[in-house]
PDB file of N, CA and C in Angstrom:
ATOM      1  N   UNK A   1     136.008   2.778  13.792  1.00  0.00           N
ATOM      2  CA  UNK A   1     136.653   3.169  12.926  1.00  0.00           C
ATOM      3  C   UNK A   1     138.479   2.920  12.912  1.00  0.00           C
ATOM      4  N   UNK A   2     139.115   2.080  11.828  1.00  0.00           N
ATOM      5  CA  UNK A   2     140.171   1.979  12.265  1.00  0.00           C
ATOM      6  C   UNK A   2     141.527   3.162  12.491  1.00  0.00           C
ATOM      7  N   UNK A   3     141.924   2.438  13.530  1.00  0.00           N
ATOM      8  CA  UNK A   3     143.130   3.365  13.788  1.00  0.00           C
ATOM      9  C   UNK A   3     144.512   3.267  13.017  1.00  0.00           C
ATOM     10  N   UNK A   4     145.249   3.974  12.076  1.00  0.00           N
ATOM     11  CA  UNK A   4     146.868   3.860  12.123  1.00  0.00           C
ATOM     12  C   UNK A   4     147.351   4.277  13.164  1.00  0.00           C
ATOM     13  N   UNK A   5     148.628   3.828  12.585  1.00  0.00           N
ATOM     14  CA  UNK A   5     149.982   4.059  13.482  1.00  0.00           C
ATOM     15  C   UNK A   5     149.868   5.406  13.579  1.00  0.00           C
ATOM     16  N   UNK A   6     150.242   6.523  12.470  1.00  0.00           N
ATOM     17  CA  UNK A   6     150.142   7.873  13.020  1.00  0.00           C
ATOM     18  C   UNK A   6     149.351   8.143  13.993  1.00  0.00           C
ATOM     19  N   UNK A   7     148.065   7.686  13.873  1.00  0.00           N
ATOM     20  CA  UNK A   7     146.842   7.874  14.998  1.00  0.00           C
ATOM     21  C   UNK A   7     147.125   7.515  16.411  1.00  0.00           C
ATOM     22  N   UNK A   8     147.775   6.438  16.142  1.00  0.00           N
ATOM     23  CA  UNK A   8     148.173   5.828  17.742  1.00  0.00           C
ATOM     24  C   UNK A   8     149.211   6.845  18.453  1.00  0.00           C
ATOM     25  N   UNK A   9     150.164   7.425  17.619  1.00  0.00           N
ATOM     26  CA  UNK A   9     151.730   8.125  17.792  1.00  0.00           C
ATOM     27  C   UNK A   9     150.531  10.033  18.443  1.00  0.00           C
ATOM     28  N   UNK A  10     150.137  10.201  17.380  1.00  0.00           N
ATOM     29  CA  UNK A  10     149.137  11.586  17.875  1.00  0.00           C
ATOM     30  C   UNK A  10     148.774  11.256  19.583  1.00  0.00           C
ATOM     31  N   UNK A  11     147.720  10.475  19.124  1.00  0.00           N
ATOM     32  CA  UNK A  11     147.254  10.132  20.137  1.00  0.00           C
ATOM     33  C   UNK A  11     148.124  10.151  21.883  1.00  0.00           C
ATOM     34  N   UNK A  12     149.515   9.495  21.582  1.00  0.00           N
ATOM     35  CA  UNK A  12     150.391   9.353  22.388  1.00  0.00           C
ATOM     36  C   UNK A  12     150.854  10.827  22.907  1.00  0.00           C
ATOM     37  N   UNK A  13     151.324  11.012  21.692  1.00  0.00           N
ATOM     38  CA  UNK A  13     151.676  12.847  22.077  1.00  0.00           C
ATOM     39  C   UNK A  13     150.936  13.237  22.513  1.00  0.00           C
ATOM     40  N   UNK A  14     149.230  13.553  22.613  1.00  0.00           N
ATOM     41  CA  UNK A  14     148.140  14.286  22.765  1.00  0.00           C
ATOM     42  C   UNK A  14     148.259  14.236  25.128  1.00  0.00           C
ATOM     43  N   UNK A  15     148.695  12.523  25.028  1.00  0.00           N
ATOM     44  CA  UNK A  15     147.873  12.079  26.084  1.00  0.00           C
ATOM     45  C   UNK A  15     149.565  13.082  26.746  1.00  0.00           C
ATOM     46  N   UNK A  16     150.565  12.870  26.068  1.00  0.00           N
ATOM     47  CA  UNK A  16     151.732  13.173  27.232  1.00  0.00           C
ATOM     48  C   UNK A  16     151.341  14.747  27.240  1.00  0.00           C
ATOM     49  N   UNK A  17     150.808  15.676  26.341  1.00  0.00           N
ATOM     50  CA  UNK A  17     150.899  17.020  26.598  1.00  0.00           C
ATOM     51  C   UNK A  17     149.657  17.231  27.296  1.00  0.00           C
ATOM     52  N   UNK A  18     148.606  16.584  27.580  1.00  0.00           N
ATOM     53  CA  UNK A  18     148.055  16.460  28.766  1.00  0.00           C
ATOM     54  C   UNK A  18     148.233  16.556  30.149  1.00  0.00           C
ATOM     55  N   UNK A  19     149.260  15.388  30.194  1.00  0.00           N
ATOM     56  CA  UNK A  19     149.620  14.989  31.718  1.00  0.00           C
ATOM     57  C   UNK A  19     150.418  16.101  31.918  1.00  0.00           C
ATOM     58  N   UNK A  20     151.579  16.580  31.100  1.00  0.00           N
ATOM     59  CA  UNK A  20     152.453  17.791  31.209  1.00  0.00           C
ATOM     60  C   UNK A  20     151.545  18.801  31.344  1.00  0.00           C
ATOM     61  N   UNK A  21     150.391  19.394  30.752  1.00  0.00           N
ATOM     62  CA  UNK A  21     149.842  20.520  31.385  1.00  0.00           C
ATOM     63  C   UNK A  21     149.218  20.585  32.461  1.00  0.00           C
ATOM     64  N   UNK A  22     148.560  19.343  32.803  1.00  0.00           N
ATOM     65  CA  UNK A  22     148.074  19.146  33.790  1.00  0.00           C
ATOM     66  C   UNK A  22     148.983  18.920  35.218  1.00  0.00           C
ATOM     67  N   UNK A  23     150.304  18.425  34.817  1.00  0.00           N
ATOM     68  CA  UNK A  23     151.104  18.811  35.738  1.00  0.00           C
ATOM     69  C   UNK A  23     151.208  20.673  36.394  1.00  0.00           C
ATOM     70  N   UNK A  24     151.825  20.837  35.006  1.00  0.00           N
ATOM     71  CA  UNK A  24     151.801  22.402  35.287  1.00  0.00           C
ATOM     72  C   UNK A  24     150.775  23.353  35.822  1.00  0.00           C
ATOM     73  N   UNK A  25     149.310  22.928  35.334  1.00  0.00           N
ATOM     74  CA  UNK A  25     148.802  23.246  36.283  1.00  0.00           C
ATOM     75  C   UNK A  25     148.247  23.226  37.515  1.00  0.00           C
ATOM     76  N   UNK A  26     148.235  21.950  37.818  1.00  0.00           N
ATOM     77  CA  UNK A  26     148.366  21.834  39.510  1.00  0.00           C
ATOM     78  C   UNK A  26     149.494  21.997  40.043  1.00  0.00           C
ATOM     79  N   UNK A  27     150.873  21.663  39.953  1.00  0.00           N
ATOM     80  CA  UNK A  27     151.787  21.501  40.892  1.00  0.00           C
ATOM     81  C   UNK A  27     153.196  22.443  40.139  1.00  0.00           C
ATOM     82  N   UNK A  28     153.033  23.249  39.479  1.00  0.00           N
ATOM     83  CA  UNK A  28     154.440  24.382  38.418  1.00  0.00           C
ATOM     84  C   UNK A  28     155.200  22.905  38.323  1.00  0.00           C
ATOM     85  N   UNK A  29     154.676  22.357  37.771  1.00  0.00           N
ATOM     86  CA  UNK A  29     156.080  21.162  37.345  1.00  0.00           C
ATOM     87  C   UNK A  29     155.936  20.814  35.676  1.00  0.00           C
ATOM     88  N   UNK A  30     156.989  21.057  35.408  1.00  0.00           N
ATOM     89  CA  UNK A  30     157.246  20.693  33.468  1.00  0.00           C
ATOM     90  C   UNK A  30     157.787  19.438  33.489  1.00  0.00           C
ATOM     91  N   UNK A  31     157.137  18.870  33.473  1.00  0.00           N
ATOM     92  CA  UNK A  31     157.450  17.353  33.146  1.00  0.00           C
ATOM     93  C   UNK A  31     158.550  17.234  31.839  1.00  0.00           C
ATOM     94  N   UNK A  32     158.359  17.732  30.473  1.00  0.00           N
ATOM     95  CA  UNK A  32     159.179  17.352  29.494  1.00  0.00           C
ATOM     96  C   UNK A  32     159.940  18.181  29.525  1.00  0.00           C
ATOM     97  N   UNK A  33     159.810  19.484  30.188  1.00  0.00           N
ATOM     98  CA  UNK A  33     161.311  20.588  30.647  1.00  0.00           C
ATOM     99  C   UNK A  33     161.828  19.927  31.330  1.00  0.00           C
ATOM    100  N   UNK A  34     161.463  19.180  32.182  1.00  0.00           N
ATOM    101  CA  UNK A  34     162.861  18.718  33.458  1.00  0.00           C
ATOM    102  C   UNK A  34     163.302  17.560  32.927  1.00  0.00           C
ATOM    103  N   UNK A  35     162.934  17.037  32.184  1.00  0.00           N
ATOM    104  CA  UNK A  35     162.825  15.602  31.813  1.00  0.00           C
ATOM    105  C   UNK A  35     164.282  15.910  30.505  1.00  0.00           C
ATOM    106  N   UNK A  36     163.869  17.235  29.370  1.00  0.00           N
ATOM    107  CA  UNK A  36     164.605  17.416  28.329  1.00  0.00           C
ATOM    108  C   UNK A  36     165.515  19.080  28.320  1.00  0.00           C
ATOM    109  N   UNK A  37     165.510  19.511  29.658  1.00  0.00           N
ATOM    110  CA  UNK A  37     166.988  20.318  29.941  1.00  0.00           C
ATOM    111  C   UNK A  37     165.726  21.274  29.674  1.00  0.00           C
ATOM    112  N   UNK A  38     165.065  21.868  30.403  1.00  0.00           N
ATOM    113  CA  UNK A  38     164.232  23.028  30.273  1.00  0.00           C
ATOM    114  C   UNK A  38     163.263  23.684  29.227  1.00  0.00           C
ATOM    115  N   UNK A  39     162.596  24.509  29.382  1.00  0.00           N
ATOM    116  CA  UNK A  39     161.526  25.029  28.397  1.00  0.00           C
ATOM    117  C   UNK A  39     162.057  25.224  27.446  1.00  0.00           C
ATOM    118  N   UNK A  40     163.442  25.773  27.132  1.00  0.00           N
ATOM    119  CA  UNK A  40     163.986  26.451  26.236  1.00  0.00           C
ATOM    120  C   UNK A  40     164.971  25.633  25.530  1.00  0.00           C
ATOM    121  N   UNK A  41     165.125  24.569  25.807  1.00  0.00           N
ATOM    122  CA  UNK A  41     166.166  23.673  24.789  1.00  0.00           C
ATOM    123  C   UNK A  41     165.440  23.210  23.739  1.00  0.00           C
ATOM    124  N   UNK A  42     166.377  22.856  22.662  1.00  0.00           N
ATOM    125  CA  UNK A  42     165.784  22.836  21.402  1.00  0.00           C
ATOM    126  C   UNK A  42     165.084  21.239  21.590  1.00  0.00           C
ATOM    127  N   UNK A  43     166.143  20.497  22.583  1.00  0.00           N
ATOM    128  CA  UNK A  43     164.993  18.916  21.915  1.00  0.00           C
ATOM    129  C   UNK A  43     163.719  18.992  22.848  1.00  0.00           C
ATOM    130  N   UNK A  44     163.575  19.934  23.760  1.00  0.00           N
ATOM    131  CA  UNK A  44     162.345  20.594  24.539  1.00  0.00           C
ATOM    132  C   UNK A  44     161.064  21.181  23.615  1.00  0.00           C
ATOM    133  N   UNK A  45     161.249  21.864  22.816  1.00  0.00           N
ATOM    134  CA  UNK A  45     161.057  22.785  22.077  1.00  0.00           C
ATOM    135  C   UNK A  45     160.510  21.840  20.722  1.00  0.00           C
ATOM    136  N   UNK A  46     161.362  21.206  19.901  1.00  0.00           N
ATOM    137  CA  UNK A  46     160.383  20.039  19.514  1.00  0.00           C
ATOM    138  C   UNK A  46     159.316  19.061  19.903  1.00  0.00           C
ATOM    139  N   UNK A  47     159.933  18.030  20.998  1.00  0.00           N
ATOM    140  CA  UNK A  47     158.839  17.627  21.769  1.00  0.00           C
ATOM    141  C   UNK A  47     156.913  18.479  21.707  1.00  0.00           C
ATOM    142  N   UNK A  48     157.409  19.616  22.242  1.00  0.00           N
ATOM    143  CA  UNK A  48     156.338  20.727  22.136  1.00  0.00           C
ATOM    144  C   UNK A  48     155.600  20.691  20.995  1.00  0.00           C
ATOM    145  N   UNK A  49     156.397  20.926  20.042  1.00  0.00           N
ATOM    146  CA  UNK A  49     156.102  21.187  18.542  1.00  0.00           C
ATOM    147  C   UNK A  49     155.508  19.917  17.851  1.00  0.00           C
ATOM    148  N   UNK A  50     155.813  18.952  18.112  1.00  0.00           N
ATOM    149  CA  UNK A  50     155.481  17.683  17.829  1.00  0.00           C
ATOM    150  C   UNK A  50     153.692  17.889  18.575  1.00  0.00           C
ATOM    151  N   UNK A  51     153.950  17.768  19.627  1.00  0.00           N
ATOM    152  CA  UNK A  51     152.596  17.937  20.605  1.00  0.00           C
ATOM    153  C   UNK A  51     151.324  18.449  20.369  1.00  0.00           C
ATOM    154  N   UNK A  52     151.913  19.835  19.587  1.00  0.00           N
ATOM    155  CA  UNK A  52     150.925  20.457  19.059  1.00  0.00           C
ATOM    156  C   UNK A  52     150.683  20.358  17.769  1.00  0.00           C
ATOM    157  N   UNK A  53     151.645  19.884  16.795  1.00  0.00           N
ATOM    158  CA  UNK A  53     151.188  18.971  16.297  1.00  0.00           C
ATOM    159  C   UNK A  53     150.364  18.328  15.892  1.00  0.00           C
ATOM    160  N   UNK A  54     150.300  17.129  16.660  1.00  0.00           N
ATOM    161  CA  UNK A  54     149.557  16.492  17.258  1.00  0.00           C
ATOM    162  C   UNK A  54     148.142  16.728  17.391  1.00  0.00           C
ATOM    163  N   UNK A  55     147.872  17.498  18.114  1.00  0.00           N
ATOM    164  CA  UNK A  55     146.420  18.278  18.753  1.00  0.00           C
ATOM    165  C   UNK A  55     145.902  18.818  16.737  1.00  0.00           C
ATOM    166  N   UNK A  56     146.775  19.225  15.901  1.00  0.00           N
ATOM    167  CA  UNK A  56     145.999  20.141  14.797  1.00  0.00           C
ATOM    168  C   UNK A  56     145.541  18.436  14.440  1.00  0.00           C
ATOM    169  N   UNK A  57     146.508  17.390  14.257  1.00  0.00           N
ATOM    170  CA  UNK A  57     146.192  16.310  13.382  1.00  0.00           C
ATOM    171  C   UNK A  57     144.983  15.404  14.006  1.00  0.00           C
ATOM    172  N   UNK A  58     144.783  15.766  15.392  1.00  0.00           N
ATOM    173  CA  UNK A  58     143.631  15.072  15.976  1.00  0.00           C
ATOM    174  C   UNK A  58     142.202  15.760  15.235  1.00  0.00           C
ATOM    175  N   UNK A  59     141.903  16.848  14.811  1.00  0.00           N
ATOM    176  CA  UNK A  59     141.316  17.609  13.894  1.00  0.00           C
ATOM    177  C   UNK A  59     140.461  16.101  13.403  1.00  0.00           C
ATOM    178  N   UNK A  60     141.498  15.661  12.424  1.00  0.00           N
ATOM    179  CA  UNK A  60     141.181  14.907  11.299  1.00  0.00           C
ATOM    180  C   UNK A  60     140.325  13.568  11.453  1.00  0.00           C
ATOM    181  N   UNK A  61     140.308  13.288  13.289  1.00  0.00           N
ATOM    182  CA  UNK A  61     139.433  12.003  13.449  1.00  0.00           C
ATOM    183  C   UNK A  61     138.120  12.418  13.304  1.00  0.00           C
ATOM    184  N   UNK A  62     138.055  13.817  13.857  1.00  0.00           N
ATOM    185  CA  UNK A  62     136.278  13.797  13.572  1.00  0.00           C
ATOM    186  C   UNK A  62     135.508  13.576  12.695  1.00  0.00           C
ATOM    187  N   UNK A  63     136.579  13.971  11.339  1.00  0.00           N
ATOM    188  CA  UNK A  63     135.906  13.424  10.078  1.00  0.00           C
ATOM    189  C   UNK A  63     135.922  11.899  10.110  1.00  0.00           C
ATOM    190  N   UNK A  64     136.710  11.116  10.229  1.00  0.00           N
ATOM    191  CA  UNK A  64     136.669   9.994  10.483  1.00  0.00           C
ATOM    192  C   UNK A  64     135.907   9.228  11.006  1.00  0.00           C
ATOM    193  N   UNK A  65     136.021   9.401  12.749  1.00  0.00           N
ATOM    194  CA  UNK A  65     134.427   9.507  13.010  1.00  0.00           C
ATOM    195  C   UNK A  65     133.315   9.527  12.678  1.00  0.00           C
ATOM    196  N   UNK A  66     133.190  10.565  12.039  1.00  0.00           N
ATOM    197  CA  UNK A  66     131.318  10.714  11.242  1.00  0.00           C
ATOM    198  C   UNK A  66     131.077   9.987   9.823  1.00  0.00           C
ATOM    199  N   UNK A  67     132.400   9.947   9.349  1.00  0.00           N
ATOM    200  CA  UNK A  67     132.054   9.235   7.997  1.00  0.00           C
ATOM    201  C   UNK A  67     131.686   8.020   8.633  1.00  0.00           C
ATOM    202  N   UNK A  68     132.794   7.393   9.448  1.00  0.00           N
ATOM    203  CA  UNK A  68     132.245   5.593   9.889  1.00  0.00           C
ATOM    204  C   UNK A  68     131.052   5.614  10.596  1.00  0.00           C
ATOM    205  N   UNK A  69     130.360   6.753  11.395  1.00  0.00           N
ATOM    206  CA  UNK A  69     128.965   6.897  11.609  1.00  0.00           C
ATOM    207  C   UNK A  69     127.551   6.673  10.690  1.00  0.00           C
ATOM    208  N   UNK A  70     128.462   7.414  10.040  1.00  0.00           N
ATOM    209  CA  UNK A  70     127.021   7.030   8.515  1.00  0.00           C
ATOM    210  C   UNK A  70     127.403   6.163   7.953  1.00  0.00           C
ATOM    211  N   UNK A  71     128.366   5.664   8.007  1.00  0.00           N
ATOM    212  CA  UNK A  71     128.535   4.175   7.314  1.00  0.00           C
ATOM    213  C   UNK A  71     127.790   3.211   7.693  1.00  0.00           C
ATOM    214  N   UNK A  72     127.982   3.099   9.373  1.00  0.00           N
ATOM    215  CA  UNK A  72     127.431   2.299   9.883  1.00  0.00           C
ATOM    216  C   UNK A  72     125.300   2.194   9.782  1.00  0.00           C
ATOM    217  N   UNK A  73     125.230   3.905   9.685  1.00  0.00           N
ATOM    218  CA  UNK A  73     123.650   4.510   9.772  1.00  0.00           C
ATOM    219  C   UNK A  73     123.963   4.526  11.177  1.00  0.00           C
ATOM    220  N   UNK A  74     124.453   5.154  11.868  1.00  0.00           N
ATOM    221  CA  UNK A  74     124.030   5.663  13.331  1.00  0.00           C
ATOM    222  C   UNK A  74     124.081   7.382  13.051  1.00  0.00           C
ATOM    223  N   UNK A  75     122.697   8.025  14.261  1.00  0.00           N
ATOM    224  CA  UNK A  75     122.294   9.373  13.452  1.00  0.00           C
ATOM    225  C   UNK A  75     122.775   9.896  14.748  1.00  0.00           C
TER     226      UNK A  75
END
């Protein structure tokens, strides 16, 4: 599967979100909120929204992976 620049950007945001959620779960520390002025700051909310959109966009990767596997003949 050849990844587009948008795929790389989405993957990076998903990893950032996963690390942030892990820190919240284990240590009650919100990395994004602490960097950008709390969970209610407008910039932090934009970052959270972009992470959510990246997660939704990642669903399209399933279809491309399945299409690529079928083209190669994998079952």
